């Protein structure tokens, strides 16, 4: 166990959970927090908090992220060897067998739809060594090229082969999966207050909503922001309109320093929203260089080890909670235990 940095970023918590920590503020989701979440399950009613994973459709939100492609696997034996393994007898050459098998393969961008970001998703150029030169580093000082390794470019007829070899040897999404994502969720209903207005919610705005709705956030809670963005995505029926998607619904103002400090001080374990990036991505760069284009991502993933959940579906849960004068629930939201991945799709479940 050796410290990977001489200087840590201002406003960061590097080292708080040990020099080798890869779980960040999820360390605050203890057995006691799990029991607090379970205590919120009073009705036994569940809500699926995931969009269909082929939404939003197209690539309007992010041209690098493509919809999933599903195909049947190929058979490797019998008279149908090499054919699609879809609704074929298990072995057509053996009389009397009744088994019929369907088997799929999927090619998908792991952060296309409802997702978790790992700490390997966003790093920064920062002088962690104290030698006057900025290195590319990630949460707790883990290094690009050593701990987070890009793929070697290659040529192959397979569309994904050129990416082979890319992996997060540290900070991968499997670390979140191994900890287990279950505990008390707390919902802040921005949509109820702002509708579909594109609104950069700063500290004062957020405190006003929290006070009016009597929301209490305690150390280790998993905080969810309902903005209504997922409803817009569903209404577009996989034909996303970029000008609409990038101009609707609320998001946090990542350039509000007081808001970022509140995220730190609140003790929240992770931050989740039903919009594209939790924060609104600015259309103009207001700070002098160098700075982060997505300062909330930098603050959470890079500086403070706070996982981000994006593009969740929170509308039905939000309506039920408001109708029942509640804002807390049991949240169960494991990512895929996929070693080396920097993010993962999720199918979270809320139980009330």
Protein backbone atom coordinates (compact mmCIF):
# COMPACT_ATOMS: atom_id res chain seq x y z
CA UNK A 1 0.00 0.00 0.00
CA UNK A 2 1.84 3.06 -1.26
CA UNK A 3 0.51 6.54 -1.85
CA UNK A 4 0.45 7.27 -5.59
CA UNK A 5 0.63 11.03 -5.28
CA UNK A 6 2.57 13.80 -3.57
CA UNK A 7 -0.04 16.44 -4.32
CA UNK A 8 -3.76 15.79 -4.36
CA UNK A 9 -6.24 18.00 -6.21
CA UNK A 10 -7.79 20.85 -4.21
CA UNK A 11 -11.15 19.83 -2.82
CA UNK A 12 -10.45 16.11 -3.20
CA UNK A 13 -10.68 13.28 -0.68
CA UNK A 14 -7.79 11.19 -2.02
CA UNK A 15 -6.49 8.91 0.71
CA UNK A 16 -9.55 9.21 2.95
CA UNK A 17 -10.33 5.52 2.55
CA UNK A 18 -6.71 4.37 2.16
CA UNK A 19 -4.04 4.68 -0.53
CA UNK A 20 -5.34 1.70 -2.52
CA UNK A 21 -9.04 2.53 -2.29
CA UNK A 22 -11.07 1.99 -5.46
CA UNK A 23 -14.59 2.31 -4.04
CA UNK A 24 -14.64 5.94 -2.96
CA UNK A 25 -17.75 7.15 -1.18
CA UNK A 26 -19.49 3.81 -1.67
CA UNK A 27 -17.47 2.87 1.40
CA UNK A 28 -20.11 4.87 3.27
CA UNK A 29 -22.80 2.40 2.20
CA UNK A 30 -22.26 0.17 5.20
CA UNK A 31 -24.35 -2.68 6.57
CA UNK A 32 -26.22 -0.11 8.63
CA UNK A 33 -27.06 1.88 5.49
CA UNK A 34 -28.34 -1.27 3.78
CA UNK A 35 -30.62 -1.90 6.76
CA UNK A 36 -31.84 1.70 6.59
CA UNK A 37 -32.74 1.13 2.96
CA UNK A 38 -34.53 -2.11 3.74
CA UNK A 39 -36.55 -0.29 6.40
CA UNK A 40 -37.95 1.97 3.65
CA UNK A 41 -39.53 -1.04 1.88
CA UNK A 42 -42.94 -0.90 3.57
CA UNK A 43 -45.37 -1.68 0.73
CA UNK A 44 -43.43 -4.32 -1.19
CA UNK A 45 -43.97 -2.38 -4.42
CA UNK A 46 -41.13 -2.23 -6.93
CA UNK A 47 -40.23 0.22 -9.69
CA UNK A 48 -37.91 -0.49 -12.61
CA UNK A 49 -35.54 2.48 -12.88
CA UNK A 50 -34.05 1.60 -16.26
CA UNK A 51 -34.93 2.77 -19.73
CA UNK A 52 -35.13 0.06 -22.37
CA UNK A 53 -31.44 -0.30 -23.21
CA UNK A 54 -32.02 0.45 -26.90
CA UNK A 55 -33.09 3.99 -25.94
CA UNK A 56 -32.47 6.86 -26.66
CA UNK A 57 -32.05 5.51 -30.18
CA UNK A 58 -29.56 6.72 -32.77
CA UNK A 59 -26.49 8.68 -31.73
CA UNK A 60 -27.84 12.21 -31.33
CA UNK A 61 -26.84 12.47 -27.67
CA UNK A 62 -23.32 11.16 -28.21
CA UNK A 63 -21.97 10.25 -31.67
CA UNK A 64 -19.45 7.83 -30.12
CA UNK A 65 -22.17 5.73 -28.50
CA UNK A 66 -24.18 3.37 -30.69
CA UNK A 67 -27.38 1.42 -30.02
CA UNK A 68 -26.99 -2.25 -29.06
CA UNK A 69 -26.98 -4.87 -31.80
CA UNK A 70 -28.32 -8.34 -30.99
CA UNK A 71 -27.75 -11.41 -33.12
CA UNK A 72 -28.10 -15.15 -32.70
CA UNK A 73 -24.94 -17.10 -32.04
CA UNK A 74 -23.76 -19.67 -34.59
CA UNK A 75 -24.23 -23.39 -34.13
CA UNK A 76 -21.03 -25.42 -33.94
CA UNK A 77 -22.27 -28.98 -34.44
CA UNK A 78 -24.83 -31.11 -36.25
CA UNK A 79 -26.17 -30.68 -39.73
CA UNK A 80 -26.86 -26.97 -39.05
CA UNK A 81 -23.27 -26.13 -37.98
CA UNK A 82 -22.47 -22.54 -38.84
CA UNK A 83 -26.13 -21.54 -38.98
CA UNK A 84 -27.88 -19.24 -36.56
CA UNK A 85 -28.57 -20.84 -33.20
CA UNK A 86 -32.15 -19.59 -33.04
CA UNK A 87 -35.04 -22.02 -32.50
CA UNK A 88 -33.13 -25.02 -33.79
CA UNK A 89 -33.22 -28.47 -32.19
CA UNK A 90 -30.34 -28.97 -29.80
CA UNK A 91 -29.04 -31.80 -31.99
CA UNK A 92 -31.05 -32.48 -35.12
CA UNK A 93 -29.00 -35.62 -35.82
CA UNK A 94 -30.16 -37.41 -32.67
CA UNK A 95 -33.70 -38.80 -32.95
CA UNK A 96 -35.98 -38.26 -29.98
CA UNK A 97 -34.37 -35.12 -28.52
CA UNK A 98 -36.95 -32.40 -27.95
CA UNK A 99 -34.72 -29.51 -26.87
CA UNK A 100 -34.90 -26.27 -28.87
CA UNK A 101 -32.27 -23.60 -28.11
CA UNK A 102 -32.04 -19.84 -28.66
CA UNK A 103 -28.72 -18.14 -27.90
CA UNK A 104 -27.74 -14.50 -28.44
CA UNK A 105 -24.70 -12.27 -28.69
CA UNK A 106 -24.86 -8.50 -28.19
CA UNK A 107 -22.53 -5.72 -29.27
CA UNK A 108 -23.25 -2.67 -27.17
CA UNK A 109 -21.80 0.56 -25.90
CA UNK A 110 -21.85 0.08 -22.15
CA UNK A 111 -22.83 3.70 -21.44
CA UNK A 112 -25.42 4.11 -24.19
CA UNK A 113 -28.53 4.09 -21.99
CA UNK A 114 -29.22 3.68 -18.26
CA UNK A 115 -25.73 3.38 -16.81
CA UNK A 116 -23.16 3.70 -14.10
CA UNK A 117 -19.89 5.63 -14.55
CA UNK A 118 -16.82 4.14 -12.91
CA UNK A 119 -13.91 6.22 -11.64
CA UNK A 120 -11.96 5.13 -14.72
CA UNK A 121 -14.44 7.03 -16.90
CA UNK A 122 -13.08 10.52 -16.17
CA UNK A 123 -9.59 11.56 -15.10
CA UNK A 124 -7.66 14.79 -15.37
CA UNK A 125 -4.32 16.30 -16.27
CA UNK A 126 -2.90 17.13 -12.86
CA UNK A 127 0.55 17.42 -11.28
CA UNK A 128 0.20 14.59 -8.79
CA UNK A 129 3.96 14.01 -8.62
CA UNK A 130 4.76 17.58 -7.62
CA UNK A 131 7.39 17.94 -10.33
CA UNK A 132 5.72 20.78 -12.20
CA UNK A 133 4.39 18.58 -14.99
CA UNK A 134 0.83 17.40 -15.29
CA UNK A 135 0.20 13.67 -15.63
CA UNK A 136 -3.02 11.97 -16.68
CA UNK A 137 -4.33 10.59 -13.41
CA UNK A 138 -7.57 9.24 -12.02
CA UNK A 139 -9.19 8.98 -8.60
CA UNK A 140 -6.70 8.35 -5.77
CA UNK A 141 -3.75 8.85 -8.11
CA UNK A 142 -4.17 5.82 -10.36
CA UNK A 143 -2.34 6.38 -13.65
CA UNK A 144 -3.19 6.35 -17.31
CA UNK A 145 -1.04 3.88 -19.22
CA UNK A 146 -0.35 1.84 -16.09
CA UNK A 147 -3.66 1.33 -14.33
CA UNK A 148 -6.06 2.49 -17.04
CA UNK A 149 -4.72 1.12 -20.31
CA UNK A 150 -5.94 2.20 -23.76
CA UNK A 151 -6.22 -0.26 -26.61
CA UNK A 152 -3.48 -0.72 -29.15
CA UNK A 153 -4.88 0.20 -32.54
CA UNK A 154 -5.12 -2.70 -34.97
CA UNK A 155 -6.77 -3.76 -38.18
CA UNK A 156 -9.38 -6.49 -38.15
CA UNK A 157 -12.56 -7.33 -40.05
CA UNK A 158 -14.40 -7.55 -36.73
CA UNK A 159 -15.86 -4.14 -35.82
CA UNK A 160 -14.85 -4.34 -32.14
CA UNK A 161 -11.42 -5.97 -32.50
CA UNK A 162 -9.54 -2.68 -32.84
CA UNK A 163 -10.55 -1.92 -29.24
CA UNK A 164 -9.21 -5.16 -27.79
CA UNK A 165 -6.74 -4.68 -24.97
CA UNK A 166 -8.41 -1.59 -23.52
CA UNK A 167 -9.00 -2.13 -19.83
CA UNK A 168 -9.17 -0.47 -16.45
CA UNK A 169 -6.75 -2.54 -14.39
CA UNK A 170 -7.83 -0.34 -11.49
CA UNK A 171 -11.05 1.58 -10.86
CA UNK A 172 -13.09 -0.61 -13.24
CA UNK A 173 -16.83 -0.95 -12.83
CA UNK A 174 -16.39 -4.38 -11.26
CA UNK A 175 -15.22 -2.64 -8.07
CA UNK A 176 -18.66 -1.11 -7.66
CA UNK A 177 -20.31 -4.45 -8.43
CA UNK A 178 -18.18 -6.27 -5.87
CA UNK A 179 -19.14 -3.81 -3.15
CA UNK A 180 -22.81 -4.27 -3.92
CA UNK A 181 -25.12 -1.38 -4.71
CA UNK A 182 -27.97 -1.58 -2.25
CA UNK A 183 -29.01 0.91 0.37
CA UNK A 184 -31.18 3.93 0.98
CA UNK A 185 -32.12 6.01 -2.02
CA UNK A 186 -33.35 9.60 -1.66
CA UNK A 187 -35.16 11.36 -4.49
CA UNK A 188 -35.05 15.09 -5.25
CA UNK A 189 -37.88 15.98 -7.63
CA UNK A 190 -36.56 18.82 -9.80
CA UNK A 191 -39.21 18.15 -12.44
CA UNK A 192 -42.00 18.99 -10.01
CA UNK A 193 -40.54 22.46 -9.53
CA UNK A 194 -39.14 23.28 -12.98
CA UNK A 195 -41.08 21.12 -15.42
CA UNK A 196 -39.25 20.73 -18.72
CA UNK A 197 -37.52 24.09 -18.53
CA UNK A 198 -33.83 23.81 -19.31
CA UNK A 199 -32.53 24.95 -15.97
CA UNK A 200 -28.99 24.89 -14.60
CA UNK A 201 -29.73 24.15 -10.95
CA UNK A 202 -27.26 25.80 -8.62
CA UNK A 203 -26.82 25.58 -4.89
CA UNK A 204 -29.56 28.08 -4.00
CA UNK A 205 -32.05 26.42 -6.36
CA UNK A 206 -31.30 22.96 -4.98
CA UNK A 207 -31.57 24.07 -1.36
CA UNK A 208 -34.94 25.68 -2.11
CA UNK A 209 -36.28 22.43 -3.58
CA UNK A 210 -34.88 20.36 -0.73
CA UNK A 211 -36.43 22.67 1.87
CA UNK A 212 -39.84 22.86 0.18
CA UNK A 213 -40.06 19.08 -0.22
CA UNK A 214 -38.58 18.36 3.22
CA UNK A 215 -35.86 16.15 1.81
CA UNK A 216 -33.23 14.98 4.29
CA UNK A 217 -29.96 13.58 2.98
CA UNK A 218 -27.65 11.77 5.35
CA UNK A 219 -24.18 10.36 5.06
CA UNK A 220 -24.13 7.27 2.82
CA UNK A 221 -27.45 7.96 1.06
CA UNK A 222 -27.72 7.45 -2.70
CA UNK A 223 -29.24 10.61 -4.17
CA UNK A 224 -31.45 10.55 -7.28
CA UNK A 225 -32.46 13.63 -9.28
CA UNK A 226 -35.73 13.44 -11.22
CA UNK A 227 -35.76 15.93 -14.10
CA UNK A 228 -38.26 14.37 -16.54
CA UNK A 229 -35.61 13.98 -19.25
CA UNK A 230 -36.20 10.23 -19.55
CA UNK A 231 -39.86 10.89 -20.41
CA UNK A 232 -38.77 13.08 -23.31
CA UNK A 233 -36.45 10.32 -24.51
CA UNK A 234 -39.28 7.77 -24.43
CA UNK A 235 -41.72 10.10 -26.19
CA UNK A 236 -39.32 10.47 -29.12
CA UNK A 237 -39.60 6.71 -29.76
CA UNK A 238 -35.94 6.16 -30.65
CA UNK A 239 -35.90 9.10 -33.10
CA UNK A 240 -34.06 11.61 -30.92
CA UNK A 241 -34.08 15.27 -31.91
CA UNK A 242 -30.72 16.80 -30.91
CA UNK A 243 -32.02 20.36 -30.54
CA UNK A 244 -34.76 19.11 -28.19
CA UNK A 245 -32.65 16.72 -26.15
CA UNK A 246 -29.92 19.30 -25.61
CA UNK A 247 -32.39 22.05 -24.74
CA UNK A 248 -34.82 20.53 -22.27
CA UNK A 249 -35.15 19.71 -18.56
CA UNK A 250 -33.05 20.61 -15.57
CA UNK A 251 -29.58 19.49 -14.57
CA UNK A 252 -27.06 20.49 -11.95
CA UNK A 253 -24.84 23.50 -12.54
CA UNK A 254 -21.39 21.96 -12.32
CA UNK A 255 -19.77 25.41 -12.38
CA UNK A 256 -21.39 26.41 -9.10
CA UNK A 257 -18.63 26.01 -6.52
CA UNK A 258 -21.09 26.09 -3.62
CA UNK A 259 -23.05 23.24 -5.19
CA UNK A 260 -19.88 21.17 -5.57
CA UNK A 261 -19.00 21.88 -1.93
CA UNK A 262 -22.48 20.76 -0.87
CA UNK A 263 -21.96 17.47 -2.71
CA UNK A 264 -18.80 16.99 -0.66
CA UNK A 265 -20.29 18.10 2.66
CA UNK A 266 -23.57 16.17 2.31
CA UNK A 267 -21.81 12.80 2.55
CA UNK A 268 -23.89 11.36 -0.29
CA UNK A 269 -22.48 8.08 -1.55
CA UNK A 270 -23.39 8.45 -5.23
CA UNK A 271 -25.28 10.86 -7.45
CA UNK A 272 -27.86 9.70 -9.98
CA UNK A 273 -30.10 11.46 -12.50
CA UNK A 274 -32.51 10.63 -15.29
CA UNK A 275 -30.79 13.08 -17.64
CA UNK A 276 -27.80 12.69 -19.90
CA UNK A 277 -24.94 13.72 -17.62
CA UNK A 278 -26.35 14.74 -14.20
CA UNK A 279 -24.89 18.20 -14.86
CA UNK A 280 -25.81 20.40 -17.80
CA UNK A 281 -22.87 20.44 -20.19
CA UNK A 282 -22.08 24.13 -20.78
CA UNK A 283 -22.34 25.52 -24.30
CA UNK A 284 -19.72 28.16 -23.55
CA UNK A 285 -16.47 27.97 -21.64
CA UNK A 286 -16.60 30.54 -18.88
CA UNK A 287 -13.42 29.70 -16.98
CA UNK A 288 -9.85 30.45 -18.06
CA UNK A 289 -7.74 27.49 -19.11
CA UNK A 290 -6.98 24.99 -17.77
CA UNK A 291 -10.36 23.81 -16.56
CA UNK A 292 -12.79 20.91 -16.91
CA UNK A 293 -15.54 20.98 -19.52
CA UNK A 294 -17.63 18.87 -17.13
CA UNK A 295 -16.67 20.15 -13.67
CA UNK A 296 -19.20 18.04 -11.75
CA UNK A 297 -17.79 14.89 -13.38
CA UNK A 298 -14.31 16.01 -12.40
CA UNK A 299 -15.42 16.81 -8.85
CA UNK A 300 -17.26 13.52 -8.35
CA UNK A 301 -15.39 10.86 -10.33
CA UNK A 302 -11.86 12.26 -10.27
CA UNK A 303 -11.60 14.18 -7.02
CA UNK A 304 -14.01 12.55 -4.56
CA UNK A 305 -14.77 9.01 -5.66
CA UNK A 306 -18.51 9.56 -6.15
CA UNK A 307 -20.06 7.28 -8.77
CA UNK A 308 -22.50 8.86 -11.21
CA UNK A 309 -25.62 7.19 -12.57
CA UNK A 310 -27.06 8.63 -15.77
CA UNK A 311 -30.20 8.30 -17.87
CA UNK A 312 -32.16 6.34 -15.27
CA UNK A 313 -35.96 6.21 -15.44
CA UNK A 314 -37.33 7.85 -12.29
CA UNK A 315 -40.74 9.22 -13.31
CA UNK A 316 -43.08 6.51 -12.00
CA UNK A 317 -41.17 6.31 -8.73
CA UNK A 318 -41.21 10.10 -8.35
CA UNK A 319 -44.98 10.27 -8.87
CA UNK A 320 -45.61 7.51 -6.33
CA UNK A 321 -43.31 9.04 -3.73
CA UNK A 322 -44.96 12.46 -4.05
CA UNK A 323 -48.45 11.00 -3.86
CA UNK A 324 -47.44 9.22 -0.67
CA UNK A 325 -45.51 12.13 0.90
CA UNK A 326 -42.23 10.21 0.79
CA UNK A 327 -38.82 10.66 -0.79
CA UNK A 328 -36.87 7.64 0.52
CA UNK A 329 -36.79 4.06 -0.73
CA UNK A 330 -34.69 0.91 -0.93
CA UNK A 331 -32.41 1.15 -3.97
CA UNK A 332 -30.84 -1.93 -5.53
CA UNK A 333 -28.70 -1.11 -8.57
CA UNK A 334 -25.77 -3.44 -9.34
CA UNK A 335 -23.71 -2.84 -12.47
CA UNK A 336 -22.31 -5.70 -14.51
CA UNK A 337 -19.34 -7.37 -12.86
CA UNK A 338 -17.32 -6.88 -16.03
CA UNK A 339 -13.60 -6.58 -15.21
CA UNK A 340 -11.82 -3.70 -16.91
CA UNK A 341 -14.91 -1.79 -18.05
CA UNK A 342 -15.17 1.95 -17.37
CA UNK A 343 -18.97 1.90 -17.18
CA UNK A 344 -21.91 -0.44 -17.21
CA UNK A 345 -25.58 -0.62 -18.12
CA UNK A 346 -27.88 -1.14 -15.16
CA UNK A 347 -31.42 -2.19 -14.39
CA UNK A 348 -31.96 -0.57 -10.99
CA UNK A 349 -34.95 -1.40 -8.83
CA UNK A 350 -36.59 0.81 -6.21
CA UNK A 351 -38.68 -0.85 -3.49
CA UNK A 352 -41.08 1.22 -1.41
